[in-house]
Amino acid sequence: VQLQASGGGLVQAGGSLRLSCVASGRTVSSRAMGWFRRAPGKEREFVAGISWSGGSTQYADSVKDRFTISRDNAKNTVYLQMNSLKPEDTAIYYCAVSTAMTTGPYDYWGQGTQVTVSS
């Protein structure tokens, strides 16, 4: 599976961005998918996850009520809508495909897209 993330950029605090991640090589409609991020000098952290059907989602406490994960299985794509962005959201964001239907662990990773939030 190859994952191509896009949609990152520079935005002011309080703004919004929508990340997309397209999977190719095989269908991922039967697998959970997720978004992770790595900020400068920090470890990679979980941001959000979504089950194969989209019926179940999980969020890190730091993004709950601001970010929304969704997917379109017909397009083999997962999205991350990010609202009310804060400078601490600045990071490289990675999408991932799970080995399971509802949650991790994740075994395929995209190359990442940079999100920078200015204060």
N, C-alpha and C. Protein backbone atom coordinates (compact mmCIF):
# COMPACT_ATOMS: atom_id res chain seq x y z
N VAL A 1 0.85 -1.20 0.00
CA VAL A 1 0.00 0.00 0.00
C VAL A 1 0.88 1.24 0.00
N GLN A 2 0.57 2.18 -0.89
CA GLN A 2 1.25 3.48 -0.88
C GLN A 2 0.24 4.54 -0.44
N LEU A 3 0.71 5.44 0.42
CA LEU A 3 -0.16 6.48 0.96
C LEU A 3 0.42 7.85 0.59
N GLN A 4 -0.43 8.70 0.03
CA GLN A 4 -0.01 10.04 -0.37
C GLN A 4 -0.86 11.06 0.38
N ALA A 5 -0.22 11.77 1.30
CA ALA A 5 -0.91 12.80 2.08
C ALA A 5 -0.72 14.16 1.44
N SER A 6 -1.73 15.00 1.57
CA SER A 6 -1.67 16.36 1.03
C SER A 6 -2.57 17.27 1.85
N GLY A 7 -2.47 18.57 1.56
CA GLY A 7 -3.34 19.52 2.21
C GLY A 7 -2.70 20.35 3.31
N GLY A 8 -1.46 20.03 3.65
CA GLY A 8 -0.78 20.81 4.66
C GLY A 8 -0.44 22.20 4.16
N GLY A 9 0.03 23.04 5.07
CA GLY A 9 0.42 24.38 4.69
C GLY A 9 0.60 25.26 5.89
N LEU A 10 0.67 26.56 5.63
CA LEU A 10 0.84 27.57 6.67
C LEU A 10 -0.50 28.26 6.91
N VAL A 11 -0.91 28.33 8.16
CA VAL A 11 -2.18 28.94 8.50
C VAL A 11 -2.03 29.70 9.81
N GLN A 12 -2.82 30.72 9.98
CA GLN A 12 -2.80 31.47 11.23
C GLN A 12 -3.58 30.73 12.31
N ALA A 13 -3.24 31.00 13.54
CA ALA A 13 -3.97 30.41 14.65
C ALA A 13 -5.45 30.75 14.53
N GLY A 14 -6.29 29.75 14.79
CA GLY A 14 -7.72 29.90 14.64
C GLY A 14 -8.24 29.48 13.28
N GLY A 15 -7.32 29.26 12.35
CA GLY A 15 -7.71 28.88 11.00
C GLY A 15 -7.99 27.39 10.87
N SER A 16 -8.23 26.97 9.62
CA SER A 16 -8.58 25.59 9.34
C SER A 16 -7.76 25.05 8.17
N LEU A 17 -7.58 23.75 8.18
CA LEU A 17 -6.98 23.02 7.06
C LEU A 17 -7.67 21.68 6.95
N ARG A 18 -7.67 21.14 5.74
CA ARG A 18 -8.20 19.80 5.53
C ARG A 18 -7.13 18.95 4.87
N LEU A 19 -6.70 17.91 5.58
CA LEU A 19 -5.71 16.98 5.04
C LEU A 19 -6.42 15.83 4.34
N SER A 20 -5.80 15.34 3.28
CA SER A 20 -6.30 14.17 2.57
C SER A 20 -5.18 13.15 2.46
N CYS A 21 -5.56 11.90 2.41
CA CYS A 21 -4.58 10.83 2.23
C CYS A 21 -5.19 9.78 1.32
N VAL A 22 -4.59 9.60 0.16
CA VAL A 22 -5.08 8.63 -0.81
C VAL A 22 -4.22 7.38 -0.77
N ALA A 23 -4.87 6.24 -0.68
CA ALA A 23 -4.16 4.96 -0.69
C ALA A 23 -4.21 4.36 -2.08
N SER A 24 -3.10 3.77 -2.48
CA SER A 24 -3.05 3.09 -3.77
C SER A 24 -2.31 1.78 -3.61
N GLY A 25 -2.46 0.92 -4.58
CA GLY A 25 -1.79 -0.37 -4.53
C GLY A 25 -2.71 -1.49 -4.10
N ARG A 26 -3.61 -1.17 -3.21
CA ARG A 26 -4.64 -2.13 -2.80
C ARG A 26 -5.72 -1.37 -2.08
N THR A 27 -6.89 -1.96 -2.02
CA THR A 27 -7.98 -1.30 -1.31
C THR A 27 -7.75 -1.36 0.20
N VAL A 28 -8.14 -0.29 0.86
CA VAL A 28 -8.00 -0.24 2.32
C VAL A 28 -9.36 -0.16 2.99
N SER A 29 -10.41 -0.47 2.24
CA SER A 29 -11.77 -0.29 2.76
C SER A 29 -12.09 -1.22 3.92
N SER A 30 -11.30 -2.29 4.11
CA SER A 30 -11.57 -3.22 5.21
C SER A 30 -10.64 -2.97 6.39
N ARG A 31 -9.90 -1.89 6.37
CA ARG A 31 -8.94 -1.60 7.43
C ARG A 31 -9.21 -0.24 8.08
N ALA A 32 -8.90 -0.17 9.35
CA ALA A 32 -8.92 1.12 10.02
C ALA A 32 -7.78 1.98 9.48
N MET A 33 -7.98 3.29 9.57
CA MET A 33 -6.93 4.22 9.16
C MET A 33 -6.78 5.29 10.23
N GLY A 34 -5.65 5.96 10.20
CA GLY A 34 -5.41 6.95 11.24
C GLY A 34 -4.50 8.07 10.78
N TRP A 35 -4.45 9.09 11.60
CA TRP A 35 -3.53 10.22 11.42
C TRP A 35 -2.65 10.33 12.66
N PHE A 36 -1.38 10.57 12.42
CA PHE A 36 -0.41 10.80 13.48
C PHE A 36 0.33 12.09 13.16
N ARG A 37 1.07 12.59 14.12
CA ARG A 37 1.88 13.79 13.86
C ARG A 37 3.16 13.73 14.68
N ARG A 38 4.17 14.42 14.16
CA ARG A 38 5.44 14.56 14.86
C ARG A 38 5.85 16.01 14.84
N ALA A 39 5.89 16.61 16.01
CA ALA A 39 6.32 18.00 16.15
C ALA A 39 7.84 18.04 16.31
N PRO A 40 8.47 19.15 16.00
CA PRO A 40 9.93 19.25 16.14
C PRO A 40 10.39 18.89 17.54
N GLY A 41 11.33 17.97 17.63
CA GLY A 41 11.90 17.60 18.91
C GLY A 41 11.02 16.69 19.75
N LYS A 42 9.91 16.22 19.18
CA LYS A 42 9.00 15.37 19.95
C LYS A 42 8.79 14.03 19.26
N GLU A 43 8.23 13.10 20.01
CA GLU A 43 7.93 11.79 19.46
C GLU A 43 6.65 11.86 18.62
N ARG A 44 6.51 10.90 17.72
CA ARG A 44 5.28 10.80 16.95
C ARG A 44 4.13 10.48 17.89
N GLU A 45 2.97 11.12 17.66
CA GLU A 45 1.82 10.88 18.52
C GLU A 45 0.57 10.63 17.67
N PHE A 46 -0.32 9.86 18.24
CA PHE A 46 -1.60 9.56 17.63
C PHE A 46 -2.47 10.81 17.64
N VAL A 47 -3.16 11.07 16.54
CA VAL A 47 -4.07 12.20 16.44
C VAL A 47 -5.51 11.73 16.36
N ALA A 48 -5.79 10.86 15.40
CA ALA A 48 -7.17 10.40 15.20
C ALA A 48 -7.16 9.08 14.44
N GLY A 49 -8.20 8.28 14.68
CA GLY A 49 -8.35 7.02 13.99
C GLY A 49 -9.80 6.79 13.60
N ILE A 50 -10.00 5.97 12.57
CA ILE A 50 -11.35 5.70 12.09
C ILE A 50 -11.43 4.23 11.67
N SER A 51 -12.53 3.59 12.02
CA SER A 51 -12.72 2.18 11.69
C SER A 51 -12.97 2.02 10.19
N TRP A 52 -12.99 0.77 9.75
CA TRP A 52 -13.11 0.50 8.32
C TRP A 52 -14.38 1.08 7.71
N SER A 53 -15.46 1.11 8.48
CA SER A 53 -16.74 1.59 7.96
C SER A 53 -16.94 3.08 8.20
N GLY A 54 -16.11 3.65 9.05
CA GLY A 54 -16.30 5.04 9.45
C GLY A 54 -17.24 5.18 10.63
N GLY A 55 -17.73 4.07 11.14
CA GLY A 55 -18.70 4.13 12.22
C GLY A 55 -18.11 4.40 13.59
N SER A 56 -16.82 4.23 13.71
CA SER A 56 -16.16 4.46 15.00
C SER A 56 -14.94 5.34 14.79
N THR A 57 -14.79 6.35 15.62
CA THR A 57 -13.64 7.24 15.53
C THR A 57 -13.03 7.42 16.91
N GLN A 58 -11.73 7.73 16.91
CA GLN A 58 -11.02 8.01 18.16
C GLN A 58 -10.17 9.26 17.96
N TYR A 59 -9.99 10.03 19.04
CA TYR A 59 -9.22 11.26 18.96
C TYR A 59 -8.31 11.40 20.17
N ALA A 60 -7.16 12.01 19.96
CA ALA A 60 -6.33 12.42 21.07
C ALA A 60 -7.06 13.55 21.81
N ASP A 61 -6.87 13.61 23.11
CA ASP A 61 -7.55 14.64 23.90
C ASP A 61 -7.20 16.04 23.40
N SER A 62 -5.99 16.21 22.90
CA SER A 62 -5.52 17.53 22.51
C SER A 62 -6.24 18.07 21.26
N VAL A 63 -6.89 17.19 20.50
CA VAL A 63 -7.55 17.64 19.27
C VAL A 63 -9.06 17.41 19.29
N LYS A 64 -9.53 16.77 20.33
CA LYS A 64 -10.96 16.46 20.41
C LYS A 64 -11.77 17.75 20.32
N ASP A 65 -12.86 17.70 19.60
CA ASP A 65 -13.78 18.83 19.37
C ASP A 65 -13.23 19.87 18.42
N ARG A 66 -12.00 19.68 17.91
CA ARG A 66 -11.45 20.60 16.92
C ARG A 66 -11.19 19.89 15.59
N PHE A 67 -10.78 18.64 15.65
CA PHE A 67 -10.45 17.86 14.46
C PHE A 67 -11.53 16.82 14.21
N THR A 68 -11.75 16.51 12.93
CA THR A 68 -12.69 15.47 12.54
C THR A 68 -12.08 14.58 11.47
N ILE A 69 -12.04 13.29 11.76
CA ILE A 69 -11.54 12.32 10.78
C ILE A 69 -12.73 11.70 10.05
N SER A 70 -12.55 11.48 8.76
CA SER A 70 -13.60 10.85 7.96
C SER A 70 -12.93 10.06 6.84
N ARG A 71 -13.71 9.26 6.12
CA ARG A 71 -13.13 8.48 5.03
C ARG A 71 -14.16 8.28 3.94
N ASP A 72 -13.65 8.06 2.73
CA ASP A 72 -14.47 7.73 1.58
C ASP A 72 -13.87 6.47 0.97
N ASN A 73 -14.47 5.33 1.25
CA ASN A 73 -13.90 4.07 0.80
C ASN A 73 -13.95 3.92 -0.72
N ALA A 74 -14.90 4.56 -1.35
CA ALA A 74 -14.97 4.51 -2.82
C ALA A 74 -13.74 5.18 -3.44
N LYS A 75 -13.17 6.14 -2.72
CA LYS A 75 -11.99 6.86 -3.21
C LYS A 75 -10.71 6.42 -2.52
N ASN A 76 -10.82 5.41 -1.64
CA ASN A 76 -9.63 4.94 -0.90
C ASN A 76 -8.92 6.09 -0.20
N THR A 77 -9.70 6.98 0.40
CA THR A 77 -9.16 8.22 0.94
C THR A 77 -9.66 8.45 2.37
N VAL A 78 -8.75 8.97 3.20
CA VAL A 78 -9.10 9.38 4.55
C VAL A 78 -8.80 10.87 4.67
N TYR A 79 -9.61 11.58 5.44
CA TYR A 79 -9.48 13.02 5.59
C TYR A 79 -9.28 13.38 7.06
N LEU A 80 -8.71 14.55 7.28
CA LEU A 80 -8.63 15.12 8.61
C LEU A 80 -8.97 16.60 8.50
N GLN A 81 -10.15 16.96 8.97
CA GLN A 81 -10.57 18.35 9.01
C GLN A 81 -10.08 18.95 10.32
N MET A 82 -9.27 19.99 10.22
CA MET A 82 -8.66 20.60 11.40
C MET A 82 -9.16 22.04 11.51
N ASN A 83 -9.89 22.30 12.58
CA ASN A 83 -10.43 23.64 12.85
C ASN A 83 -9.80 24.21 14.11
N SER A 84 -9.95 25.51 14.28
CA SER A 84 -9.43 26.19 15.47
C SER A 84 -7.98 25.80 15.74
N LEU A 85 -7.17 25.86 14.72
CA LEU A 85 -5.79 25.43 14.84
C LEU A 85 -5.00 26.30 15.80
N LYS A 86 -4.07 25.67 16.49
CA LYS A 86 -3.23 26.33 17.48
C LYS A 86 -1.77 26.16 17.07
N PRO A 87 -0.90 27.05 17.53
CA PRO A 87 0.54 26.89 17.20
C PRO A 87 1.08 25.52 17.62
N GLU A 88 0.57 24.95 18.69
CA GLU A 88 1.05 23.64 19.14
C GLU A 88 0.60 22.50 18.23
N ASP A 89 -0.25 22.78 17.25
CA ASP A 89 -0.61 21.77 16.25
C ASP A 89 0.44 21.68 15.14
N THR A 90 1.40 22.57 15.14
CA THR A 90 2.46 22.54 14.13
C THR A 90 3.22 21.23 14.20
N ALA A 91 3.27 20.53 13.07
CA ALA A 91 3.91 19.22 13.03
C ALA A 91 3.86 18.70 11.59
N ILE A 92 4.56 17.59 11.38
CA ILE A 92 4.37 16.83 10.15
C ILE A 92 3.28 15.80 10.45
N TYR A 93 2.28 15.76 9.59
CA TYR A 93 1.15 14.86 9.79
C TYR A 93 1.26 13.68 8.83
N TYR A 94 1.10 12.49 9.39
CA TYR A 94 1.22 11.26 8.64
C TYR A 94 -0.09 10.49 8.69
N CYS A 95 -0.47 9.90 7.57
CA CYS A 95 -1.60 8.98 7.60
C CYS A 95 -1.06 7.55 7.65
N ALA A 96 -1.89 6.64 8.12
CA ALA A 96 -1.45 5.26 8.29
C ALA A 96 -2.63 4.31 8.11
N VAL A 97 -2.31 3.09 7.72
CA VAL A 97 -3.30 2.04 7.55
C VAL A 97 -3.06 0.96 8.59
N SER A 98 -4.13 0.52 9.21
CA SER A 98 -4.02 -0.47 10.28
C SER A 98 -4.01 -1.89 9.73
N THR A 99 -3.59 -2.80 10.59
CA THR A 99 -3.70 -4.22 10.29
C THR A 99 -5.08 -4.75 10.64
N ALA A 100 -5.88 -3.95 11.32
CA ALA A 100 -7.18 -4.39 11.83
C ALA A 100 -8.30 -3.53 11.26
N MET A 101 -9.52 -3.93 11.60
CA MET A 101 -10.70 -3.24 11.04
C MET A 101 -11.11 -2.03 11.85
N THR A 102 -10.82 -2.05 13.16
CA THR A 102 -11.38 -1.01 14.00
C THR A 102 -10.35 -0.06 14.61
N THR A 103 -9.13 -0.53 14.78
CA THR A 103 -8.11 0.33 15.38
C THR A 103 -6.74 -0.19 15.00
N GLY A 104 -5.67 0.29 15.67
CA GLY A 104 -4.33 -0.13 15.34
C GLY A 104 -4.06 -1.56 15.71
N PRO A 105 -2.82 -2.06 15.53
CA PRO A 105 -1.62 -1.31 15.14
C PRO A 105 -1.58 -0.97 13.66
N TYR A 106 -0.72 -0.04 13.30
CA TYR A 106 -0.65 0.47 11.94
C TYR A 106 0.63 -0.03 11.28
N ASP A 107 0.49 -0.47 10.04
CA ASP A 107 1.66 -1.06 9.39
C ASP A 107 2.06 -0.41 8.07
N TYR A 108 1.27 0.50 7.57
CA TYR A 108 1.64 1.25 6.38
C TYR A 108 1.56 2.73 6.71
N TRP A 109 2.58 3.48 6.24
CA TRP A 109 2.68 4.90 6.59
C TRP A 109 2.93 5.72 5.33
N GLY A 110 2.32 6.92 5.31
CA GLY A 110 2.57 7.86 4.24
C GLY A 110 3.81 8.69 4.52
N GLN A 111 4.13 9.58 3.59
CA GLN A 111 5.37 10.36 3.70
C GLN A 111 5.21 11.61 4.54
N GLY A 112 4.00 12.01 4.85
CA GLY A 112 3.78 13.16 5.71
C GLY A 112 3.53 14.45 4.96
N THR A 113 2.79 15.35 5.61
CA THR A 113 2.56 16.68 5.06
C THR A 113 2.72 17.68 6.20
N GLN A 114 3.41 18.76 5.91
CA GLN A 114 3.75 19.74 6.95
C GLN A 114 2.58 20.68 7.22
N VAL A 115 2.27 20.84 8.50
CA VAL A 115 1.28 21.82 8.94
C VAL A 115 1.99 22.80 9.88
N THR A 116 1.91 24.08 9.54
CA THR A 116 2.52 25.12 10.37
C THR A 116 1.46 26.13 10.74
N VAL A 117 1.30 26.35 12.04
CA VAL A 117 0.31 27.29 12.55
C VAL A 117 1.04 28.45 13.20
N SER A 118 0.83 29.64 12.68
CA SER A 118 1.50 30.81 13.21
C SER A 118 0.61 31.51 14.24
N SER A 119 1.26 32.12 15.21
CA SER A 119 0.50 32.78 16.28
C SER A 119 0.21 34.23 15.94
